[in-house]
Amino acid sequence: MMTGNDAFGSIMKSSRLMLQLPNWSMGFACLIGALFLAAPAPVAAAEQETPADIITIQIRKQGFPCDNPQKADRDRKASKPDEAVWVLQCGNATYRVRLIPDMAAHVERIN
């Protein structure tokens, strides 16, 4: 049988445990936060791809040579809502490239 002092001691022990939980959980949250802050950030600004880079990759996959991609300009008059048209200038050629989602690009050499 539990006496009054034993019951009071048991309540005090559980109270101390409850008081310690917020400190433990706060420490855990700080540890998780520190791990996120210490994780390496993705390289974004220094190595961001330009439209010329992206279009060059696409036409090379389709067998068109593009040495030294210089720039890509959007042809707004020829573009449609789901078909973007770009003029890609490479060191060796200039291409008109029509990009259509989920399909191969339509590539036309224009010089």
PDB file of N, CA and C in Angstrom:
ATOM      1  N   MET A   1       0.837  -1.174   0.000  1.00  0.00           N
ATOM      2  CA  MET A   1       0.000   0.000   0.000  1.00  0.00           C
ATOM      3  C   MET A   1       0.885   1.241   0.000  1.00  0.00           C
ATOM      4  N   MET A   2       0.500   2.263  -0.781  1.00  0.00           N
ATOM      5  CA  MET A   2       1.279   3.470  -0.923  1.00  0.00           C
ATOM      6  C   MET A   2       0.865   4.458   0.165  1.00  0.00           C
ATOM      7  N   THR A   3       1.874   5.005   0.815  1.00  0.00           N
ATOM      8  CA  THR A   3       1.572   6.003   1.855  1.00  0.00           C
ATOM      9  C   THR A   3       1.501   7.366   1.210  1.00  0.00           C
ATOM     10  N   GLY A   4       1.128   8.371   1.971  1.00  0.00           N
ATOM     11  CA  GLY A   4       1.007   9.735   1.478  1.00  0.00           C
ATOM     12  C   GLY A   4       2.333  10.260   0.956  1.00  0.00           C
ATOM     13  N   ASN A   5       3.440   9.936   1.678  1.00  0.00           N
ATOM     14  CA  ASN A   5       4.744  10.423   1.256  1.00  0.00           C
ATOM     15  C   ASN A   5       5.173   9.756  -0.062  1.00  0.00           C
ATOM     16  N   ASP A   6       4.859   8.447  -0.204  1.00  0.00           N
ATOM     17  CA  ASP A   6       5.213   7.749  -1.439  1.00  0.00           C
ATOM     18  C   ASP A   6       4.445   8.315  -2.640  1.00  0.00           C
ATOM     19  N   ALA A   7       3.167   8.590  -2.465  1.00  0.00           N
ATOM     20  CA  ALA A   7       2.350   9.138  -3.542  1.00  0.00           C
ATOM     21  C   ALA A   7       2.868  10.526  -3.929  1.00  0.00           C
ATOM     22  N   PHE A   8       3.201  11.341  -2.899  1.00  0.00           N
ATOM     23  CA  PHE A   8       3.715  12.676  -3.175  1.00  0.00           C
ATOM     24  C   PHE A   8       5.052  12.593  -3.918  1.00  0.00           C
ATOM     25  N   GLY A   9       5.906  11.655  -3.525  1.00  0.00           N
ATOM     26  CA  GLY A   9       7.200  11.472  -4.189  1.00  0.00           C
ATOM     27  C   GLY A   9       7.020  11.050  -5.641  1.00  0.00           C
ATOM     28  N   SER A  10       6.042  10.184  -5.914  1.00  0.00           N
ATOM     29  CA  SER A  10       5.782   9.723  -7.271  1.00  0.00           C
ATOM     30  C   SER A  10       5.285  10.882  -8.149  1.00  0.00           C
ATOM     31  N   ILE A  11       4.415  11.708  -7.588  1.00  0.00           N
ATOM     32  CA  ILE A  11       3.907  12.872  -8.326  1.00  0.00           C
ATOM     33  C   ILE A  11       5.040  13.836  -8.628  1.00  0.00           C
ATOM     34  N   MET A  12       5.932  14.049  -7.679  1.00  0.00           N
ATOM     35  CA  MET A  12       7.046  14.974  -7.871  1.00  0.00           C
ATOM     36  C   MET A  12       7.994  14.457  -8.964  1.00  0.00           C
ATOM     37  N   LYS A  13       8.248  13.150  -8.977  1.00  0.00           N
ATOM     38  CA  LYS A  13       9.116  12.590 -10.006  1.00  0.00           C
ATOM     39  C   LYS A  13       8.512  12.789 -11.397  1.00  0.00           C
ATOM     40  N   SER A  14       7.215  12.503 -11.542  1.00  0.00           N
ATOM     41  CA  SER A  14       6.593  12.670 -12.851  1.00  0.00           C
ATOM     42  C   SER A  14       6.525  14.152 -13.227  1.00  0.00           C
ATOM     43  N   SER A  15       6.372  15.042 -12.258  1.00  0.00           N
ATOM     44  CA  SER A  15       6.363  16.476 -12.550  1.00  0.00           C
ATOM     45  C   SER A  15       7.723  16.929 -13.052  1.00  0.00           C
ATOM     46  N   ARG A  16       8.795  16.433 -12.428  1.00  0.00           N
ATOM     47  CA  ARG A  16      10.137  16.797 -12.879  1.00  0.00           C
ATOM     48  C   ARG A  16      10.385  16.294 -14.296  1.00  0.00           C
ATOM     49  N   LEU A  17       9.886  15.094 -14.592  1.00  0.00           N
ATOM     50  CA  LEU A  17      10.034  14.556 -15.937  1.00  0.00           C
ATOM     51  C   LEU A  17       9.296  15.431 -16.936  1.00  0.00           C
ATOM     52  N   MET A  18       8.087  15.876 -16.576  1.00  0.00           N
ATOM     53  CA  MET A  18       7.317  16.740 -17.474  1.00  0.00           C
ATOM     54  C   MET A  18       8.016  18.088 -17.661  1.00  0.00           C
ATOM     55  N   LEU A  19       8.646  18.590 -16.628  1.00  0.00           N
ATOM     56  CA  LEU A  19       9.358  19.862 -16.748  1.00  0.00           C
ATOM     57  C   LEU A  19      10.595  19.709 -17.628  1.00  0.00           C
ATOM     58  N   GLN A  20      11.157  18.518 -17.668  1.00  0.00           N
ATOM     59  CA  GLN A  20      12.356  18.306 -18.467  1.00  0.00           C
ATOM     60  C   GLN A  20      12.030  18.073 -19.941  1.00  0.00           C
ATOM     61  N   LEU A  21      10.840  17.624 -20.257  1.00  0.00           N
ATOM     62  CA  LEU A  21      10.490  17.349 -21.642  1.00  0.00           C
ATOM     63  C   LEU A  21      10.579  18.568 -22.553  1.00  0.00           C
ATOM     64  N   PRO A  22      10.054  19.723 -22.148  1.00  0.00           N
ATOM     65  CA  PRO A  22      10.177  20.859 -23.051  1.00  0.00           C
ATOM     66  C   PRO A  22      11.638  21.223 -23.342  1.00  0.00           C
ATOM     67  N   ASN A  23      12.523  21.096 -22.364  1.00  0.00           N
ATOM     68  CA  ASN A  23      13.935  21.377 -22.597  1.00  0.00           C
ATOM     69  C   ASN A  23      14.510  20.387 -23.602  1.00  0.00           C
ATOM     70  N   TRP A  24      14.148  19.134 -23.466  1.00  0.00           N
ATOM     71  CA  TRP A  24      14.644  18.114 -24.378  1.00  0.00           C
ATOM     72  C   TRP A  24      14.103  18.364 -25.776  1.00  0.00           C
ATOM     73  N   SER A  25      12.805  18.642 -25.883  1.00  0.00           N
ATOM     74  CA  SER A  25      12.224  18.848 -27.207  1.00  0.00           C
ATOM     75  C   SER A  25      12.747  20.128 -27.843  1.00  0.00           C
ATOM     76  N   MET A  26      13.023  21.148 -27.031  1.00  0.00           N
ATOM     77  CA  MET A  26      13.593  22.378 -27.571  1.00  0.00           C
ATOM     78  C   MET A  26      15.003  22.107 -28.073  1.00  0.00           C
ATOM     79  N   GLY A  27      15.763  21.313 -27.359  1.00  0.00           N
ATOM     80  CA  GLY A  27      17.111  20.952 -27.804  1.00  0.00           C
ATOM     81  C   GLY A  27      17.071  20.156 -29.097  1.00  0.00           C
ATOM     82  N   PHE A  28      16.104  19.261 -29.207  1.00  0.00           N
ATOM     83  CA  PHE A  28      15.951  18.461 -30.414  1.00  0.00           C
ATOM     84  C   PHE A  28      15.587  19.354 -31.596  1.00  0.00           C
ATOM     85  N   ALA A  29      14.677  20.283 -31.369  1.00  0.00           N
ATOM     86  CA  ALA A  29      14.288  21.204 -32.441  1.00  0.00           C
ATOM     87  C   ALA A  29      15.473  22.059 -32.879  1.00  0.00           C
ATOM     88  N   CYS A  30      16.278  22.494 -31.937  1.00  0.00           N
ATOM     89  CA  CYS A  30      17.471  23.277 -32.283  1.00  0.00           C
ATOM     90  C   CYS A  30      18.458  22.438 -33.084  1.00  0.00           C
ATOM     91  N   LEU A  31      18.607  21.166 -32.714  1.00  0.00           N
ATOM     92  CA  LEU A  31      19.508  20.277 -33.447  1.00  0.00           C
ATOM     93  C   LEU A  31      19.031  20.086 -34.886  1.00  0.00           C
ATOM     94  N   ILE A  32      17.751  19.861 -35.070  1.00  0.00           N
ATOM     95  CA  ILE A  32      17.199  19.691 -36.417  1.00  0.00           C
ATOM     96  C   ILE A  32      17.394  20.980 -37.223  1.00  0.00           C
ATOM     97  N   GLY A  33      17.119  22.120 -36.600  1.00  0.00           N
ATOM     98  CA  GLY A  33      17.314  23.395 -37.280  1.00  0.00           C
ATOM     99  C   GLY A  33      18.762  23.612 -37.684  1.00  0.00           C
ATOM    100  N   ALA A  34      19.691  23.246 -36.810  1.00  0.00           N
ATOM    101  CA  ALA A  34      21.110  23.407 -37.116  1.00  0.00           C
ATOM    102  C   ALA A  34      21.520  22.496 -38.273  1.00  0.00           C
ATOM    103  N   LEU A  35      20.953  21.293 -38.334  1.00  0.00           N
ATOM    104  CA  LEU A  35      21.268  20.394 -39.436  1.00  0.00           C
ATOM    105  C   LEU A  35      20.807  20.975 -40.766  1.00  0.00           C
ATOM    106  N   PHE A  36      19.622  21.590 -40.767  1.00  0.00           N
ATOM    107  CA  PHE A  36      19.142  22.204 -42.006  1.00  0.00           C
ATOM    108  C   PHE A  36      20.007  23.386 -42.406  1.00  0.00           C
ATOM    109  N   LEU A  37      20.444  24.171 -41.435  1.00  0.00           N
ATOM    110  CA  LEU A  37      21.281  25.318 -41.755  1.00  0.00           C
ATOM    111  C   LEU A  37      22.669  24.898 -42.221  1.00  0.00           C
ATOM    112  N   ALA A  38      23.150  23.773 -41.711  1.00  0.00           N
ATOM    113  CA  ALA A  38      24.494  23.314 -42.064  1.00  0.00           C
ATOM    114  C   ALA A  38      24.520  22.543 -43.383  1.00  0.00           C
ATOM    115  N   ALA A  39      23.342  22.127 -43.858  1.00  0.00           N
ATOM    116  CA  ALA A  39      23.295  21.365 -45.111  1.00  0.00           C
ATOM    117  C   ALA A  39      23.758  22.254 -46.258  1.00  0.00           C
ATOM    118  N   PRO A  40      24.502  21.687 -47.202  1.00  0.00           N
ATOM    119  CA  PRO A  40      24.969  22.503 -48.320  1.00  0.00           C
ATOM    120  C   PRO A  40      23.795  22.989 -49.163  1.00  0.00           C
ATOM    121  N   ALA A  41      23.806  24.260 -49.477  1.00  0.00           N
ATOM    122  CA  ALA A  41      22.744  24.856 -50.289  1.00  0.00           C
ATOM    123  C   ALA A  41      22.974  24.493 -51.753  1.00  0.00           C
ATOM    124  N   PRO A  42      21.915  24.328 -52.524  1.00  0.00           N
ATOM    125  CA  PRO A  42      22.104  24.053 -53.948  1.00  0.00           C
ATOM    126  C   PRO A  42      22.778  25.240 -54.629  1.00  0.00           C
ATOM    127  N   VAL A  43      23.633  24.933 -55.566  1.00  0.00           N
ATOM    128  CA  VAL A  43      24.329  25.980 -56.305  1.00  0.00           C
ATOM    129  C   VAL A  43      23.337  26.541 -57.303  1.00  0.00           C
ATOM    130  N   ALA A  44      22.953  27.783 -57.111  1.00  0.00           N
ATOM    131  CA  ALA A  44      21.924  28.348 -57.972  1.00  0.00           C
ATOM    132  C   ALA A  44      22.449  29.481 -58.836  1.00  0.00           C
ATOM    133  N   ALA A  45      22.890  30.528 -58.210  1.00  0.00           N
ATOM    134  CA  ALA A  45      23.215  31.734 -58.964  1.00  0.00           C
ATOM    135  C   ALA A  45      24.447  31.563 -59.843  1.00  0.00           C
ATOM    136  N   ALA A  46      25.460  30.898 -59.335  1.00  0.00           N
ATOM    137  CA  ALA A  46      26.716  30.812 -60.071  1.00  0.00           C
ATOM    138  C   ALA A  46      26.607  29.926 -61.312  1.00  0.00           C
ATOM    139  N   GLU A  47      25.808  28.872 -61.245  1.00  0.00           N
ATOM    140  CA  GLU A  47      25.733  27.917 -62.346  1.00  0.00           C
ATOM    141  C   GLU A  47      24.321  27.790 -62.902  1.00  0.00           C
ATOM    142  N   GLN A  48      23.572  28.866 -62.905  1.00  0.00           N
ATOM    143  CA  GLN A  48      22.207  28.816 -63.413  1.00  0.00           C
ATOM    144  C   GLN A  48      22.221  28.687 -64.928  1.00  0.00           C
ATOM    145  N   GLU A  49      21.409  27.771 -65.437  1.00  0.00           N
ATOM    146  CA  GLU A  49      21.359  27.540 -66.875  1.00  0.00           C
ATOM    147  C   GLU A  49      20.562  28.645 -67.557  1.00  0.00           C
ATOM    148  N   THR A  50      21.032  29.056 -68.706  1.00  0.00           N
ATOM    149  CA  THR A  50      20.340  30.056 -69.511  1.00  0.00           C
ATOM    150  C   THR A  50      19.471  29.338 -70.540  1.00  0.00           C
ATOM    151  N   PRO A  51      18.537  30.051 -71.174  1.00  0.00           N
ATOM    152  CA  PRO A  51      17.755  29.407 -72.243  1.00  0.00           C
ATOM    153  C   PRO A  51      18.650  28.839 -73.343  1.00  0.00           C
ATOM    154  N   ALA A  52      19.749  29.539 -73.667  1.00  0.00           N
ATOM    155  CA  ALA A  52      20.664  29.021 -74.698  1.00  0.00           C
ATOM    156  C   ALA A  52      21.246  27.676 -74.281  1.00  0.00           C
ATOM    157  N   ASP A  53      21.614  27.526 -73.005  1.00  0.00           N
ATOM    158  CA  ASP A  53      22.162  26.257 -72.516  1.00  0.00           C
ATOM    159  C   ASP A  53      21.132  25.133 -72.626  1.00  0.00           C
ATOM    160  N   ILE A  54      19.915  25.416 -72.203  1.00  0.00           N
ATOM    161  CA  ILE A  54      18.863  24.394 -72.196  1.00  0.00           C
ATOM    162  C   ILE A  54      18.511  23.961 -73.616  1.00  0.00           C
ATOM    163  N   ILE A  55      18.358  24.921 -74.521  1.00  0.00           N
ATOM    164  CA  ILE A  55      17.995  24.592 -75.900  1.00  0.00           C
ATOM    165  C   ILE A  55      19.144  23.879 -76.601  1.00  0.00           C
ATOM    166  N   THR A  56      20.378  24.280 -76.294  1.00  0.00           N
ATOM    167  CA  THR A  56      21.547  23.605 -76.875  1.00  0.00           C
ATOM    168  C   THR A  56      21.569  22.130 -76.483  1.00  0.00           C
ATOM    169  N   ILE A  57      21.312  21.846 -75.228  1.00  0.00           N
ATOM    170  CA  ILE A  57      21.274  20.455 -74.767  1.00  0.00           C
ATOM    171  C   ILE A  57      20.226  19.669 -75.551  1.00  0.00           C
ATOM    172  N   GLN A  58      19.056  20.278 -75.740  1.00  0.00           N
ATOM    173  CA  GLN A  58      17.976  19.587 -76.453  1.00  0.00           C
ATOM    174  C   GLN A  58      18.354  19.290 -77.900  1.00  0.00           C
ATOM    175  N   ILE A  59      18.879  20.275 -78.623  1.00  0.00           N
ATOM    176  CA  ILE A  59      19.155  20.007 -80.045  1.00  0.00           C
ATOM    177  C   ILE A  59      20.348  19.073 -80.209  1.00  0.00           C
ATOM    178  N   ARG A  60      21.298  19.115 -79.294  1.00  0.00           N
ATOM    179  CA  ARG A  60      22.423  18.165 -79.364  1.00  0.00           C
ATOM    180  C   ARG A  60      21.933  16.734 -79.165  1.00  0.00           C
ATOM    181  N   LYS A  61      20.959  16.549 -78.274  1.00  0.00           N
ATOM    182  CA  LYS A  61      20.388  15.215 -78.074  1.00  0.00           C
ATOM    183  C   LYS A  61      19.754  14.693 -79.355  1.00  0.00           C
ATOM    184  N   GLN A  62      19.295  15.602 -80.201  1.00  0.00           N
ATOM    185  CA  GLN A  62      18.649  15.232 -81.446  1.00  0.00           C
ATOM    186  C   GLN A  62      19.628  15.186 -82.616  1.00  0.00           C
ATOM    187  N   GLY A  63      20.921  15.365 -82.336  1.00  0.00           N
ATOM    188  CA  GLY A  63      21.937  15.191 -83.362  1.00  0.00           C
ATOM    189  C   GLY A  63      22.380  16.449 -84.079  1.00  0.00           C
ATOM    190  N   PHE A  64      21.930  17.604 -83.648  1.00  0.00           N
ATOM    191  CA  PHE A  64      22.339  18.854 -84.288  1.00  0.00           C
ATOM    192  C   PHE A  64      23.580  19.410 -83.586  1.00  0.00           C
ATOM    193  N   PRO A  65      24.603  19.802 -84.351  1.00  0.00           N
ATOM    194  CA  PRO A  65      25.804  20.352 -83.718  1.00  0.00           C
ATOM    195  C   PRO A  65      25.583  21.808 -83.301  1.00  0.00           C
ATOM    196  N   CYS A  66      26.070  22.159 -82.145  1.00  0.00           N
ATOM    197  CA  CYS A  66      26.017  23.549 -81.684  1.00  0.00           C
ATOM    198  C   CYS A  66      27.291  23.809 -80.891  1.00  0.00           C
ATOM    199  N   ASP A  67      28.266  24.417 -81.571  1.00  0.00           N
ATOM    200  CA  ASP A  67      29.519  24.754 -80.916  1.00  0.00           C
ATOM    201  C   ASP A  67      29.397  26.153 -80.328  1.00  0.00           C
ATOM    202  N   ASN A  68      29.766  26.299 -79.076  1.00  0.00           N
ATOM    203  CA  ASN A  68      29.794  27.605 -78.414  1.00  0.00           C
ATOM    204  C   ASN A  68      28.447  28.336 -78.509  1.00  0.00           C
ATOM    205  N   PRO A  69      27.420  27.854 -77.786  1.00  0.00           N
ATOM    206  CA  PRO A  69      26.126  28.542 -77.826  1.00  0.00           C
ATOM    207  C   PRO A  69      26.281  29.984 -77.338  1.00  0.00           C
ATOM    208  N   GLN A  70      25.775  30.941 -78.123  1.00  0.00           N
ATOM    209  CA  GLN A  70      25.975  32.343 -77.792  1.00  0.00           C
ATOM    210  C   GLN A  70      24.744  32.971 -77.155  1.00  0.00           C
ATOM    211  N   LYS A  71      23.581  32.798 -77.778  1.00  0.00           N
ATOM    212  CA  LYS A  71      22.364  33.342 -77.180  1.00  0.00           C
ATOM    213  C   LYS A  71      21.144  32.679 -77.797  1.00  0.00           C
ATOM    214  N   ALA A  72      20.042  32.794 -77.081  1.00  0.00           N
ATOM    215  CA  ALA A  72      18.759  32.300 -77.570  1.00  0.00           C
ATOM    216  C   ALA A  72      17.740  33.404 -77.361  1.00  0.00           C
ATOM    217  N   ASP A  73      17.066  33.777 -78.444  1.00  0.00           N
ATOM    218  CA  ASP A  73      16.040  34.814 -78.379  1.00  0.00           C
ATOM    219  C   ASP A  73      14.688  34.197 -78.672  1.00  0.00           C
ATOM    220  N   ARG A  74      13.703  34.528 -77.862  1.00  0.00           N
ATOM    221  CA  ARG A  74      12.345  34.006 -78.062  1.00  0.00           C
ATOM    222  C   ARG A  74      11.716  34.698 -79.253  1.00  0.00           C
ATOM    223  N   ASP A  75      11.154  33.931 -80.167  1.00  0.00           N
ATOM    224  CA  ASP A  75      10.422  34.460 -81.313  1.00  0.00           C
ATOM    225  C   ASP A  75       8.947  34.482 -80.923  1.00  0.00           C
ATOM    226  N   ARG A  76       8.506  35.611 -80.408  1.00  0.00           N
ATOM    227  CA  ARG A  76       7.147  35.702 -79.864  1.00  0.00           C
ATOM    228  C   ARG A  76       6.079  35.615 -80.960  1.00  0.00           C
ATOM    229  N   LYS A  77       6.372  36.092 -82.146  1.00  0.00           N
ATOM    230  CA  LYS A  77       5.388  36.040 -83.232  1.00  0.00           C
ATOM    231  C   LYS A  77       5.138  34.610 -83.687  1.00  0.00           C
ATOM    232  N   ALA A  78       6.177  33.798 -83.716  1.00  0.00           N
ATOM    233  CA  ALA A  78       6.031  32.409 -84.173  1.00  0.00           C
ATOM    234  C   ALA A  78       5.586  31.472 -83.055  1.00  0.00           C
ATOM    235  N   SER A  79       5.700  31.903 -81.809  1.00  0.00           N
ATOM    236  CA  SER A  79       5.337  31.051 -80.668  1.00  0.00           C
ATOM    237  C   SER A  79       3.829  30.959 -80.507  1.00  0.00           C
ATOM    238  N   LYS A  80       3.389  29.853 -79.936  1.00  0.00           N
ATOM    239  CA  LYS A  80       1.989  29.619 -79.589  1.00  0.00           C
ATOM    240  C   LYS A  80       1.943  29.322 -78.095  1.00  0.00           C
ATOM    241  N   PRO A  81       0.754  29.256 -77.500  1.00  0.00           N
ATOM    242  CA  PRO A  81       0.697  29.032 -76.045  1.00  0.00           C
ATOM    243  C   PRO A  81       1.473  27.801 -75.553  1.00  0.00           C
ATOM    244  N   ASP A  82       1.399  26.685 -76.260  1.00  0.00           N
ATOM    245  CA  ASP A  82       2.115  25.474 -75.837  1.00  0.00           C
ATOM    246  C   ASP A  82       3.294  25.140 -76.738  1.00  0.00           C
ATOM    247  N   GLU A  83       3.701  26.077 -77.581  1.00  0.00           N
ATOM    248  CA  GLU A  83       4.821  25.846 -78.497  1.00  0.00           C
ATOM    249  C   GLU A  83       5.704  27.090 -78.521  1.00  0.00           C
ATOM    250  N   ALA A  84       6.758  27.058 -77.725  1.00  0.00           N
ATOM    251  CA  ALA A  84       7.693  28.181 -77.693  1.00  0.00           C
ATOM    252  C   ALA A  84       8.695  28.047 -78.833  1.00  0.00           C
ATOM    253  N   VAL A  85       8.929  29.153 -79.532  1.00  0.00           N
ATOM    254  CA  VAL A  85       9.897  29.160 -80.634  1.00  0.00           C
ATOM    255  C   VAL A  85      11.058  30.054 -80.228  1.00  0.00           C
ATOM    256  N   TRP A  86      12.264  29.525 -80.400  1.00  0.00           N
ATOM    257  CA  TRP A  86      13.491  30.242 -80.059  1.00  0.00           C
ATOM    258  C   TRP A  86      14.422  30.255 -81.262  1.00  0.00           C
ATOM    259  N   VAL A  87      15.188  31.338 -81.383  1.00  0.00           N
ATOM    260  CA  VAL A  87      16.262  31.398 -82.368  1.00  0.00           C
ATOM    261  C   VAL A  87      17.558  31.267 -81.575  1.00  0.00           C
ATOM    262  N   LEU A  88      18.263  30.172 -81.828  1.00  0.00           N
ATOM    263  CA  LEU A  88      19.490  29.843 -81.095  1.00  0.00           C
ATOM    264  C   LEU A  88      20.695  30.139 -81.973  1.00  0.00           C
ATOM    265  N   GLN A  89      21.580  30.976 -81.469  1.00  0.00           N
ATOM    266  CA  GLN A  89      22.805  31.291 -82.207  1.00  0.00           C
ATOM    267  C   GLN A  89      23.966  30.527 -81.581  1.00  0.00           C
ATOM    268  N   CYS A  90      24.593  29.697 -82.407  1.00  0.00           N
ATOM    269  CA  CYS A  90      25.768  28.930 -82.001  1.00  0.00           C
ATOM    270  C   CYS A  90      26.965  29.454 -82.786  1.00  0.00           C
ATOM    271  N   GLY A  91      28.152  29.034 -82.421  1.00  0.00           N
ATOM    272  CA  GLY A  91      29.342  29.458 -83.127  1.00  0.00           C
ATOM    273  C   GLY A  91      29.372  28.969 -84.564  1.00  0.00           C
ATOM    274  N   ASN A  92      28.752  27.831 -84.837  1.00  0.00           N
ATOM    275  CA  ASN A  92      28.802  27.236 -86.176  1.00  0.00           C
ATOM    276  C   ASN A  92      27.501  27.345 -86.959  1.00  0.00           C
ATOM    277  N   ALA A  93      26.384  27.723 -86.337  1.00  0.00           N
ATOM    278  CA  ALA A  93      25.096  27.761 -87.034  1.00  0.00           C
ATOM    279  C   ALA A  93      24.077  28.542 -86.207  1.00  0.00           C
ATOM    280  N   THR A  94      22.974  28.881 -86.872  1.00  0.00           N
ATOM    281  CA  THR A  94      21.822  29.480 -86.198  1.00  0.00           C
ATOM    282  C   THR A  94      20.616  28.595 -86.480  1.00  0.00           C
ATOM    283  N   TYR A  95      19.826  28.332 -85.444  1.00  0.00           N
ATOM    284  CA  TYR A  95      18.688  27.422 -85.561  1.00  0.00           C
ATOM    285  C   TYR A  95      17.412  28.096 -85.079  1.00  0.00           C
ATOM    286  N   ARG A  96      16.295  27.744 -85.708  1.00  0.00           N
ATOM    287  CA  ARG A  96      14.973  28.070 -85.178  1.00  0.00           C
ATOM    288  C   ARG A  96      14.477  26.781 -84.529  1.00  0.00           C
ATOM    289  N   VAL A  97      14.170  26.866 -83.254  1.00  0.00           N
ATOM    290  CA  VAL A  97      13.809  25.678 -82.488  1.00  0.00           C
ATOM    291  C   VAL A  97      12.406  25.860 -81.920  1.00  0.00           C
ATOM    292  N   ARG A  98      11.519  24.942 -82.266  1.00  0.00           N
ATOM    293  CA  ARG A  98      10.155  24.958 -81.726  1.00  0.00           C
ATOM    294  C   ARG A  98      10.086  23.877 -80.651  1.00  0.00           C
ATOM    295  N   LEU A  99       9.827  24.310 -79.408  1.00  0.00           N
ATOM    296  CA  LEU A  99       9.752  23.385 -78.278  1.00  0.00           C
ATOM    297  C   LEU A  99       8.294  23.072 -77.978  1.00  0.00           C
ATOM    298  N   ILE A 100       7.974  21.801 -78.036  1.00  0.00           N
ATOM    299  CA  ILE A 100       6.621  21.325 -77.775  1.00  0.00           C
ATOM    300  C   ILE A 100       6.701  20.344 -76.613  1.00  0.00           C
ATOM    301  N   PRO A 101       5.899  20.541 -75.557  1.00  0.00           N
ATOM    302  CA  PRO A 101       5.976  19.643 -74.397  1.00  0.00           C
ATOM    303  C   PRO A 101       5.811  18.174 -74.784  1.00  0.00           C
ATOM    304  N   ASP A 102       6.608  17.332 -74.172  1.00  0.00           N
ATOM    305  CA  ASP A 102       6.551  15.872 -74.324  1.00  0.00           C
ATOM    306  C   ASP A 102       6.819  15.380 -75.751  1.00  0.00           C
ATOM    307  N   MET A 103       7.491  16.207 -76.559  1.00  0.00           N
ATOM    308  CA  MET A 103       7.839  15.797 -77.914  1.00  0.00           C
ATOM    309  C   MET A 103       9.255  16.274 -78.224  1.00  0.00           C
ATOM    310  N   ALA A 104       9.822  15.722 -79.272  1.00  0.00           N
ATOM    311  CA  ALA A 104      11.121  16.213 -79.734  1.00  0.00           C
ATOM    312  C   ALA A 104      10.943  17.622 -80.281  1.00  0.00           C
ATOM    313  N   ALA A 105      11.997  18.416 -80.159  1.00  0.00           N
ATOM    314  CA  ALA A 105      11.948  19.777 -80.689  1.00  0.00           C
ATOM    315  C   ALA A 105      11.980  19.748 -82.210  1.00  0.00           C
ATOM    316  N   HIS A 106      11.317  20.700 -82.825  1.00  0.00           N
ATOM    317  CA  HIS A 106      11.404  20.877 -84.283  1.00  0.00           C
ATOM    318  C   HIS A 106      12.549  21.858 -84.514  1.00  0.00           C
ATOM    319  N   VAL A 107      13.605  21.402 -85.187  1.00  0.00           N
ATOM    320  CA  VAL A 107      14.807  22.201 -85.363  1.00  0.00           C
ATOM    321  C   VAL A 107      14.995  22.488 -86.852  1.00  0.00           C
ATOM    322  N   GLU A 108      15.229  23.760 -87.148  1.00  0.00           N
ATOM    323  CA  GLU A 108      15.451  24.187 -88.533  1.00  0.00           C
ATOM    324  C   GLU A 108      16.686  25.065 -88.567  1.00  0.00           C
ATOM    325  N   ARG A 109      17.646  24.699 -89.380  1.00  0.00           N
ATOM    326  CA  ARG A 109      18.847  25.528 -89.542  1.00  0.00           C
ATOM    327  C   ARG A 109      18.490  26.705 -90.434  1.00  0.00           C
ATOM    328  N   ILE A 110      18.827  27.928 -89.995  1.00  0.00           N
ATOM    329  CA  ILE A 110      18.386  29.100 -90.760  1.00  0.00           C
ATOM    330  C   ILE A 110      19.549  29.921 -91.320  1.00  0.00           C
ATOM    331  N   ASN A 111      20.774  29.437 -91.258  1.00  0.00           N
ATOM    332  CA  ASN A 111      21.864  30.164 -91.949  1.00  0.00           C
ATOM    333  C   ASN A 111      22.759  29.194 -92.685  1.00  0.00           C
TER     334      ASN A 111
END
